[in-house]
Each structure stands twice: as structure tokens, then as C-alpha cells.
PDB file of all heavy atoms in Angstrom:
ATOM      1  N   SER A   1     -15.884  -0.582  -4.941  1.00  0.00           N
ATOM      2  CA  SER A   1     -17.243  -0.653  -5.466  1.00  0.00           C
ATOM      3  C   SER A   1     -17.502  -2.068  -5.958  1.00  0.00           C
ATOM      4  O   SER A   1     -16.571  -2.813  -6.262  1.00  0.00           O
ATOM      5  CB  SER A   1     -17.455   0.354  -6.601  1.00  0.00           C
ATOM      6  OG  SER A   1     -16.623   0.025  -7.697  1.00  0.00           O
ATOM      7  N   ALA A   2     -18.777  -2.408  -6.016  1.00  0.00           N
ATOM      8  CA  ALA A   2     -19.165  -3.732  -6.502  1.00  0.00           C
ATOM      9  C   ALA A   2     -20.421  -3.600  -7.342  1.00  0.00           C
ATOM     10  O   ALA A   2     -21.324  -2.833  -7.022  1.00  0.00           O
ATOM     11  CB  ALA A   2     -19.408  -4.670  -5.327  1.00  0.00           C
ATOM     12  N   SER A   3     -20.447  -4.332  -8.446  1.00  0.00           N
ATOM     13  CA  SER A   3     -21.636  -4.376  -9.284  1.00  0.00           C
ATOM     14  C   SER A   3     -22.041  -5.840  -9.438  1.00  0.00           C
ATOM     15  O   SER A   3     -21.612  -6.684  -8.658  1.00  0.00           O
ATOM     16  CB  SER A   3     -21.368  -3.716 -10.636  1.00  0.00           C
ATOM     17  OG  SER A   3     -20.438  -4.476 -11.365  1.00  0.00           O
ATOM     18  N   ASP A   4     -22.831  -6.130 -10.441  1.00  0.00           N
ATOM     19  CA  ASP A   4     -23.326  -7.487 -10.611  1.00  0.00           C
ATOM     20  C   ASP A   4     -22.224  -8.512 -10.872  1.00  0.00           C
ATOM     21  O   ASP A   4     -22.273  -9.612 -10.360  1.00  0.00           O
ATOM     22  CB  ASP A   4     -24.349  -7.553 -11.747  1.00  0.00           C
ATOM     23  CG  ASP A   4     -25.614  -6.788 -11.405  1.00  0.00           C
ATOM     24  OD1 ASP A   4     -25.894  -6.618 -10.198  1.00  0.00           O
ATOM     25  OD2 ASP A   4     -26.313  -6.355 -12.337  1.00  0.00           O
ATOM     26  N   GLU A   5     -21.240  -8.135 -11.683  1.00  0.00           N
ATOM     27  CA  GLU A   5     -20.240  -9.118 -12.084  1.00  0.00           C
ATOM     28  C   GLU A   5     -18.795  -8.761 -11.758  1.00  0.00           C
ATOM     29  O   GLU A   5     -17.925  -9.595 -11.935  1.00  0.00           O
ATOM     30  CB  GLU A   5     -20.341  -9.379 -13.592  1.00  0.00           C
ATOM     31  CG  GLU A   5     -21.612 -10.054 -13.995  1.00  0.00           C
ATOM     32  CD  GLU A   5     -21.627 -10.379 -15.475  1.00  0.00           C
ATOM     33  OE1 GLU A   5     -20.650 -10.040 -16.172  1.00  0.00           O
ATOM     34  OE2 GLU A   5     -22.616 -10.969 -15.918  1.00  0.00           O
ATOM     35  N   HIS A   6     -18.520  -7.547 -11.323  1.00  0.00           N
ATOM     36  CA  HIS A   6     -17.131  -7.234 -11.007  1.00  0.00           C
ATOM     37  C   HIS A   6     -17.014  -6.344  -9.776  1.00  0.00           C
ATOM     38  O   HIS A   6     -17.927  -5.621  -9.423  1.00  0.00           O
ATOM     39  CB  HIS A   6     -16.396  -6.624 -12.209  1.00  0.00           C
ATOM     40  CG  HIS A   6     -16.735  -5.214 -12.505  1.00  0.00           C
ATOM     41  ND1 HIS A   6     -17.827  -4.847 -13.230  1.00  0.00           N
ATOM     42  CD2 HIS A   6     -16.107  -4.065 -12.169  1.00  0.00           C
ATOM     43  CE1 HIS A   6     -17.869  -3.542 -13.343  1.00  0.00           C
ATOM     44  NE2 HIS A   6     -16.836  -3.044 -12.711  1.00  0.00           N
ATOM     45  N   VAL A   7     -15.847  -6.458  -9.148  1.00  0.00           N
ATOM     46  CA  VAL A   7     -15.549  -5.725  -7.915  1.00  0.00           C
ATOM     47  C   VAL A   7     -14.276  -4.930  -8.149  1.00  0.00           C
ATOM     48  O   VAL A   7     -13.290  -5.462  -8.648  1.00  0.00           O
ATOM     49  CB  VAL A   7     -15.343  -6.703  -6.734  1.00  0.00           C
ATOM     50  CG1 VAL A   7     -15.084  -5.949  -5.450  1.00  0.00           C
ATOM     51  CG2 VAL A   7     -16.513  -7.642  -6.587  1.00  0.00           C
ATOM     52  N   ARG A   8     -14.286  -3.641  -7.802  1.00  0.00           N
ATOM     53  CA  ARG A   8     -13.084  -2.810  -7.855  1.00  0.00           C
ATOM     54  C   ARG A   8     -12.464  -2.804  -6.468  1.00  0.00           C
ATOM     55  O   ARG A   8     -13.131  -2.520  -5.480  1.00  0.00           O
ATOM     56  CB  ARG A   8     -13.425  -1.385  -8.283  1.00  0.00           C
ATOM     57  CG  ARG A   8     -13.840  -1.329  -9.744  1.00  0.00           C
ATOM     58  CD  ARG A   8     -13.998   0.080 -10.236  1.00  0.00           C
ATOM     59  NE  ARG A   8     -12.694   0.744 -10.159  1.00  0.00           N
ATOM     60  CZ  ARG A   8     -12.546   2.042  -9.925  1.00  0.00           C
ATOM     61  NH1 ARG A   8     -13.583   2.807  -9.753  1.00  0.00           N
ATOM     62  NH2 ARG A   8     -11.353   2.574  -9.885  1.00  0.00           N
ATOM     63  N   ILE A   9     -11.169  -3.118  -6.415  1.00  0.00           N
ATOM     64  CA  ILE A   9     -10.473  -3.281  -5.150  1.00  0.00           C
ATOM     65  C   ILE A   9      -9.212  -2.436  -5.139  1.00  0.00           C
ATOM     66  O   ILE A   9      -8.472  -2.389  -6.132  1.00  0.00           O
ATOM     67  CB  ILE A   9     -10.111  -4.760  -4.920  1.00  0.00           C
ATOM     68  CG1 ILE A   9     -11.380  -5.580  -4.899  1.00  0.00           C
ATOM     69  CG2 ILE A   9      -9.317  -4.945  -3.641  1.00  0.00           C
ATOM     70  CD1 ILE A   9     -11.157  -7.042  -4.964  1.00  0.00           C
ATOM     71  N   LYS A  10      -8.971  -1.770  -4.010  1.00  0.00           N
ATOM     72  CA  LYS A  10      -7.742  -0.999  -3.825  1.00  0.00           C
ATOM     73  C   LYS A  10      -6.774  -1.842  -3.010  1.00  0.00           C
ATOM     74  O   LYS A  10      -7.101  -2.302  -1.918  1.00  0.00           O
ATOM     75  CB  LYS A  10      -8.021   0.315  -3.109  1.00  0.00           C
ATOM     76  CG  LYS A  10      -6.758   1.127  -2.837  1.00  0.00           C
ATOM     77  CD  LYS A  10      -7.058   2.462  -2.212  1.00  0.00           C
ATOM     78  CE  LYS A  10      -7.503   2.290  -0.790  1.00  0.00           C
ATOM     79  NZ  LYS A  10      -7.597   3.557  -0.047  1.00  0.00           N
ATOM     80  N   ILE A  11      -5.598  -2.053  -3.582  1.00  0.00           N
ATOM     81  CA  ILE A  11      -4.540  -2.794  -2.903  1.00  0.00           C
ATOM     82  C   ILE A  11      -3.410  -1.822  -2.627  1.00  0.00           C
ATOM     83  O   ILE A  11      -2.985  -1.084  -3.515  1.00  0.00           O
ATOM     84  CB  ILE A  11      -4.028  -3.953  -3.774  1.00  0.00           C
ATOM     85  CG1 ILE A  11      -5.129  -4.969  -4.010  1.00  0.00           C
ATOM     86  CG2 ILE A  11      -2.825  -4.618  -3.138  1.00  0.00           C
ATOM     87  CD1 ILE A  11      -4.747  -6.065  -4.963  1.00  0.00           C
ATOM     88  N   VAL A  12      -2.911  -1.820  -1.401  1.00  0.00           N
ATOM     89  CA  VAL A  12      -1.781  -0.972  -1.051  1.00  0.00           C
ATOM     90  C   VAL A  12      -0.566  -1.872  -0.915  1.00  0.00           C
ATOM     91  O   VAL A  12      -0.532  -2.756  -0.068  1.00  0.00           O
ATOM     92  CB  VAL A  12      -2.027  -0.197   0.263  1.00  0.00           C
ATOM     93  CG1 VAL A  12      -0.814   0.645   0.608  1.00  0.00           C
ATOM     94  CG2 VAL A  12      -3.264   0.657   0.156  1.00  0.00           C
ATOM     95  N   GLN A  13       0.418  -1.663  -1.791  1.00  0.00           N
ATOM     96  CA  GLN A  13       1.656  -2.425  -1.729  1.00  0.00           C
ATOM     97  C   GLN A  13       2.686  -1.607  -0.978  1.00  0.00           C
ATOM     98  O   GLN A  13       2.936  -0.451  -1.312  1.00  0.00           O
ATOM     99  CB  GLN A  13       2.184  -2.732  -3.123  1.00  0.00           C
ATOM    100  CG  GLN A  13       1.427  -3.803  -3.833  1.00  0.00           C
ATOM    101  CD  GLN A  13       2.103  -4.153  -5.137  1.00  0.00           C
ATOM    102  OE1 GLN A  13       2.536  -3.289  -5.870  1.00  0.00           O
ATOM    103  NE2 GLN A  13       2.175  -5.437  -5.423  1.00  0.00           N
ATOM    104  N   HIS A  14       3.264  -2.225   0.014  1.00  0.00           N
ATOM    105  CA  HIS A  14       4.289  -1.564   0.818  1.00  0.00           C
ATOM    106  C   HIS A  14       5.647  -2.119   0.443  1.00  0.00           C
ATOM    107  O   HIS A  14       5.782  -3.278   0.091  1.00  0.00           O
ATOM    108  CB  HIS A  14       4.053  -1.801   2.310  1.00  0.00           C
ATOM    109  CG  HIS A  14       2.745  -1.276   2.790  1.00  0.00           C
ATOM    110  ND1 HIS A  14       2.499   0.056   2.976  1.00  0.00           N
ATOM    111  CD2 HIS A  14       1.584  -1.909   3.107  1.00  0.00           C
ATOM    112  CE1 HIS A  14       1.261   0.232   3.404  1.00  0.00           C
ATOM    113  NE2 HIS A  14       0.676  -0.947   3.480  1.00  0.00           N
ATOM    114  N   SER A  15       6.660  -1.263   0.537  1.00  0.00           N
ATOM    115  CA  SER A  15       8.009  -1.757   0.321  1.00  0.00           C
ATOM    116  C   SER A  15       8.394  -2.622   1.512  1.00  0.00           C
ATOM    117  O   SER A  15       7.735  -2.628   2.542  1.00  0.00           O
ATOM    118  CB  SER A  15       8.985  -0.593   0.149  1.00  0.00           C
ATOM    119  OG  SER A  15       9.085   0.142   1.345  1.00  0.00           O
ATOM    120  N   SER A  16       9.467  -3.343   1.383  1.00  0.00           N
ATOM    121  CA  SER A  16       9.864  -4.278   2.435  1.00  0.00           C
ATOM    122  C   SER A  16      10.234  -3.585   3.742  1.00  0.00           C
ATOM    123  O   SER A  16      10.193  -4.198   4.801  1.00  0.00           O
ATOM    124  CB  SER A  16      11.040  -5.131   1.962  1.00  0.00           C
ATOM    125  OG  SER A  16      12.130  -4.302   1.644  1.00  0.00           O
ATOM    126  N   CYS A  17      10.552  -2.319   3.697  1.00  0.00           N
ATOM    127  CA  CYS A  17      10.925  -1.628   4.921  1.00  0.00           C
ATOM    128  C   CYS A  17       9.778  -0.795   5.491  1.00  0.00           C
ATOM    129  O   CYS A  17       9.977  -0.014   6.421  1.00  0.00           O
ATOM    130  CB  CYS A  17      12.155  -0.758   4.698  1.00  0.00           C
ATOM    131  SG  CYS A  17      11.946   0.495   3.440  1.00  0.00           S
ATOM    132  N   ALA A  18       8.571  -0.939   4.956  1.00  0.00           N
ATOM    133  CA  ALA A  18       7.449  -0.136   5.418  1.00  0.00           C
ATOM    134  C   ALA A  18       7.059  -0.463   6.862  1.00  0.00           C
ATOM    135  O   ALA A  18       6.493   0.367   7.558  1.00  0.00           O
ATOM    136  CB  ALA A  18       6.248  -0.328   4.508  1.00  0.00           C
ATOM    137  N   SER A  19       7.383  -1.665   7.309  1.00  0.00           N
ATOM    138  CA  SER A  19       7.040  -2.044   8.679  1.00  0.00           C
ATOM    139  C   SER A  19       8.079  -1.565   9.693  1.00  0.00           C
ATOM    140  O   SER A  19       7.896  -1.722  10.892  1.00  0.00           O
ATOM    141  CB  SER A  19       6.891  -3.563   8.774  1.00  0.00           C
ATOM    142  OG  SER A  19       8.116  -4.184   8.427  1.00  0.00           O
ATOM    143  N   CYS A  20       9.150  -0.959   9.217  1.00  0.00           N
ATOM    144  CA  CYS A  20      10.205  -0.466  10.094  1.00  0.00           C
ATOM    145  C   CYS A  20       9.692   0.709  10.925  1.00  0.00           C
ATOM    146  O   CYS A  20       8.897   1.520  10.457  1.00  0.00           O
ATOM    147  CB  CYS A  20      11.398  -0.035   9.248  1.00  0.00           C
ATOM    148  SG  CYS A  20      12.773   0.628  10.200  1.00  0.00           S
ATOM    149  N   GLN A  21      10.165   0.835  12.158  1.00  0.00           N
ATOM    150  CA  GLN A  21       9.692   1.878  13.059  1.00  0.00           C
ATOM    151  C   GLN A  21      10.130   3.268  12.638  1.00  0.00           C
ATOM    152  O   GLN A  21       9.486   4.249  12.964  1.00  0.00           O
ATOM    153  CB  GLN A  21      10.174   1.593  14.480  1.00  0.00           C
ATOM    154  CG  GLN A  21       9.545   0.344  15.066  1.00  0.00           C
ATOM    155  CD  GLN A  21      10.096   0.024  16.433  1.00  0.00           C
ATOM    156  OE1 GLN A  21      11.071   0.625  16.873  1.00  0.00           O
ATOM    157  NE2 GLN A  21       9.469  -0.927  17.110  1.00  0.00           N
ATOM    158  N   VAL A  22      11.225   3.393  11.913  1.00  0.00           N
ATOM    159  CA  VAL A  22      11.711   4.714  11.494  1.00  0.00           C
ATOM    160  C   VAL A  22      11.342   5.017  10.049  1.00  0.00           C
ATOM    161  O   VAL A  22      11.861   5.958   9.457  1.00  0.00           O
ATOM    162  CB  VAL A  22      13.241   4.844  11.677  1.00  0.00           C
ATOM    163  CG1 VAL A  22      13.607   4.811  13.138  1.00  0.00           C
ATOM    164  CG2 VAL A  22      13.979   3.798  10.882  1.00  0.00           C
ATOM    165  N   SER A  23      10.426   4.249   9.463  1.00  0.00           N
ATOM    166  CA  SER A  23      10.096   4.452   8.052  1.00  0.00           C
ATOM    167  C   SER A  23       9.433   5.799   7.799  1.00  0.00           C
ATOM    168  O   SER A  23       9.499   6.321   6.687  1.00  0.00           O
ATOM    169  CB  SER A  23       9.193   3.328   7.549  1.00  0.00           C
ATOM    170  OG  SER A  23       7.963   3.350   8.239  1.00  0.00           O
ATOM    171  N   SER A  24       8.802   6.397   8.811  1.00  0.00           N
ATOM    172  CA  SER A  24       8.176   7.702   8.600  1.00  0.00           C
ATOM    173  C   SER A  24       9.218   8.790   8.382  1.00  0.00           C
ATOM    174  O   SER A  24       8.933   9.806   7.765  1.00  0.00           O
ATOM    175  CB  SER A  24       7.292   8.056   9.797  1.00  0.00           C
ATOM    176  OG  SER A  24       8.086   8.162  10.960  1.00  0.00           O
ATOM    177  N   ARG A  25      10.428   8.579   8.857  1.00  0.00           N
ATOM    178  CA  ARG A  25      11.495   9.560   8.682  1.00  0.00           C
ATOM    179  C   ARG A  25      12.460   9.177   7.563  1.00  0.00           C
ATOM    180  O   ARG A  25      13.356   9.922   7.235  1.00  0.00           O
ATOM    181  CB  ARG A  25      12.272   9.704   9.990  1.00  0.00           C
ATOM    182  CG  ARG A  25      11.421  10.288  11.086  1.00  0.00           C
ATOM    183  CD  ARG A  25      12.221  10.445  12.376  1.00  0.00           C
ATOM    184  NE  ARG A  25      11.339  10.780  13.449  1.00  0.00           N
ATOM    185  CZ  ARG A  25      10.790   9.907  14.271  1.00  0.00           C
ATOM    186  NH1 ARG A  25      11.030   8.634  14.125  1.00  0.00           N
ATOM    187  NH2 ARG A  25       9.992  10.298  15.238  1.00  0.00           N
ATOM    188  N   CYS A  26      12.280   8.012   7.023  1.00  0.00           N
ATOM    189  CA  CYS A  26      13.194   7.496   6.005  1.00  0.00           C
ATOM    190  C   CYS A  26      12.666   7.844   4.623  1.00  0.00           C
ATOM    191  O   CYS A  26      11.478   7.732   4.350  1.00  0.00           O
ATOM    192  CB  CYS A  26      13.318   5.978   6.153  1.00  0.00           C
ATOM    193  SG  CYS A  26      14.396   5.209   4.962  1.00  0.00           S
ATOM    194  N   GLN A  27      13.548   8.239   3.734  1.00  0.00           N
ATOM    195  CA  GLN A  27      13.154   8.579   2.369  1.00  0.00           C
ATOM    196  C   GLN A  27      13.050   7.345   1.471  1.00  0.00           C
ATOM    197  O   GLN A  27      12.551   7.431   0.365  1.00  0.00           O
ATOM    198  CB  GLN A  27      14.171   9.559   1.762  1.00  0.00           C
ATOM    199  CG  GLN A  27      14.269  10.859   2.511  1.00  0.00           C
ATOM    200  CD  GLN A  27      12.965  11.631   2.482  1.00  0.00           C
ATOM    201  OE1 GLN A  27      12.265  11.643   1.489  1.00  0.00           O
ATOM    202  NE2 GLN A  27      12.627  12.272   3.582  1.00  0.00           N
ATOM    203  N   LEU A  28      13.526   6.195   1.937  1.00  0.00           N
ATOM    204  CA  LEU A  28      13.533   5.000   1.100  1.00  0.00           C
ATOM    205  C   LEU A  28      12.221   4.226   1.156  1.00  0.00           C
ATOM    206  O   LEU A  28      11.920   3.461   0.258  1.00  0.00           O
ATOM    207  CB  LEU A  28      14.676   4.075   1.519  1.00  0.00           C
ATOM    208  CG  LEU A  28      16.078   4.656   1.359  1.00  0.00           C
ATOM    209  CD1 LEU A  28      17.105   3.680   1.901  1.00  0.00           C
ATOM    210  CD2 LEU A  28      16.362   4.960  -0.098  1.00  0.00           C
ATOM    211  N   SER A  29      11.455   4.387   2.235  1.00  0.00           N
ATOM    212  CA  SER A  29      10.217   3.609   2.345  1.00  0.00           C
ATOM    213  C   SER A  29       9.158   4.212   1.431  1.00  0.00           C
ATOM    214  O   SER A  29       9.077   5.411   1.251  1.00  0.00           O
ATOM    215  CB  SER A  29       9.716   3.591   3.785  1.00  0.00           C
ATOM    216  OG  SER A  29       9.351   4.883   4.183  1.00  0.00           O
ATOM    217  N   GLU A  30       8.362   3.355   0.830  1.00  0.00           N
ATOM    218  CA  GLU A  30       7.320   3.823  -0.071  1.00  0.00           C
ATOM    219  C   GLU A  30       6.183   2.818  -0.081  1.00  0.00           C
ATOM    220  O   GLU A  30       6.332   1.680   0.299  1.00  0.00           O
ATOM    221  CB  GLU A  30       7.857   4.002  -1.488  1.00  0.00           C
ATOM    222  CG  GLU A  30       8.315   2.714  -2.129  1.00  0.00           C
ATOM    223  CD  GLU A  30       8.817   2.934  -3.534  1.00  0.00           C
ATOM    224  OE1 GLU A  30       9.615   3.839  -3.758  1.00  0.00           O
ATOM    225  OE2 GLU A  30       8.388   2.158  -4.398  1.00  0.00           O
ATOM    226  N   SER A  31       5.046   3.287  -0.507  1.00  0.00           N
ATOM    227  CA  SER A  31       3.906   2.398  -0.712  1.00  0.00           C
ATOM    228  C   SER A  31       3.169   2.876  -1.951  1.00  0.00           C
ATOM    229  O   SER A  31       3.162   4.052  -2.270  1.00  0.00           O
ATOM    230  CB  SER A  31       2.981   2.394   0.499  1.00  0.00           C
ATOM    231  OG  SER A  31       2.433   3.671   0.709  1.00  0.00           O
ATOM    232  N   LYS A  32       2.569   1.925  -2.664  1.00  0.00           N
ATOM    233  CA  LYS A  32       1.856   2.233  -3.892  1.00  0.00           C
ATOM    234  C   LYS A  32       0.446   1.692  -3.795  1.00  0.00           C
ATOM    235  O   LYS A  32       0.232   0.599  -3.294  1.00  0.00           O
ATOM    236  CB  LYS A  32       2.551   1.592  -5.092  1.00  0.00           C
ATOM    237  CG  LYS A  32       3.930   2.102  -5.369  1.00  0.00           C
ATOM    238  CD  LYS A  32       4.518   1.382  -6.563  1.00  0.00           C
ATOM    239  CE  LYS A  32       5.949   1.813  -6.793  1.00  0.00           C
ATOM    240  NZ  LYS A  32       6.561   1.063  -7.884  1.00  0.00           N
ATOM    241  N   GLU A  33      -0.492   2.485  -4.276  1.00  0.00           N
ATOM    242  CA  GLU A  33      -1.877   2.034  -4.336  1.00  0.00           C
ATOM    243  C   GLU A  33      -2.165   1.553  -5.741  1.00  0.00           C
ATOM    244  O   GLU A  33      -1.818   2.206  -6.715  1.00  0.00           O
ATOM    245  CB  GLU A  33      -2.838   3.171  -3.980  1.00  0.00           C
ATOM    246  CG  GLU A  33      -2.869   3.509  -2.527  1.00  0.00           C
ATOM    247  CD  GLU A  33      -3.948   4.530  -2.206  1.00  0.00           C
ATOM    248  OE1 GLU A  33      -4.685   4.945  -3.122  1.00  0.00           O
ATOM    249  OE2 GLU A  33      -4.049   4.910  -1.044  1.00  0.00           O
TER     250      GLU A  33
END
């Protein structure tokens, strides 16, 4: 959202292994909003 003076932004932080091809099956990968 955006108003006159400030903007609310969602940032998704991925762990270092989030780009790995098997991360969907791995319990160690995580991401935080």
C-alpha cells in the first residue's frame, strides 16, 4: 500500500538454499516474509 508519505512493502527473505532444485522436498529451506 502507499499513502502520501509512506509505503508498506513486503519483502520475502529466502535462505541460502532456497534456490536449490530439491528445496521443495528439503526441510532445511525456509523463507520469511
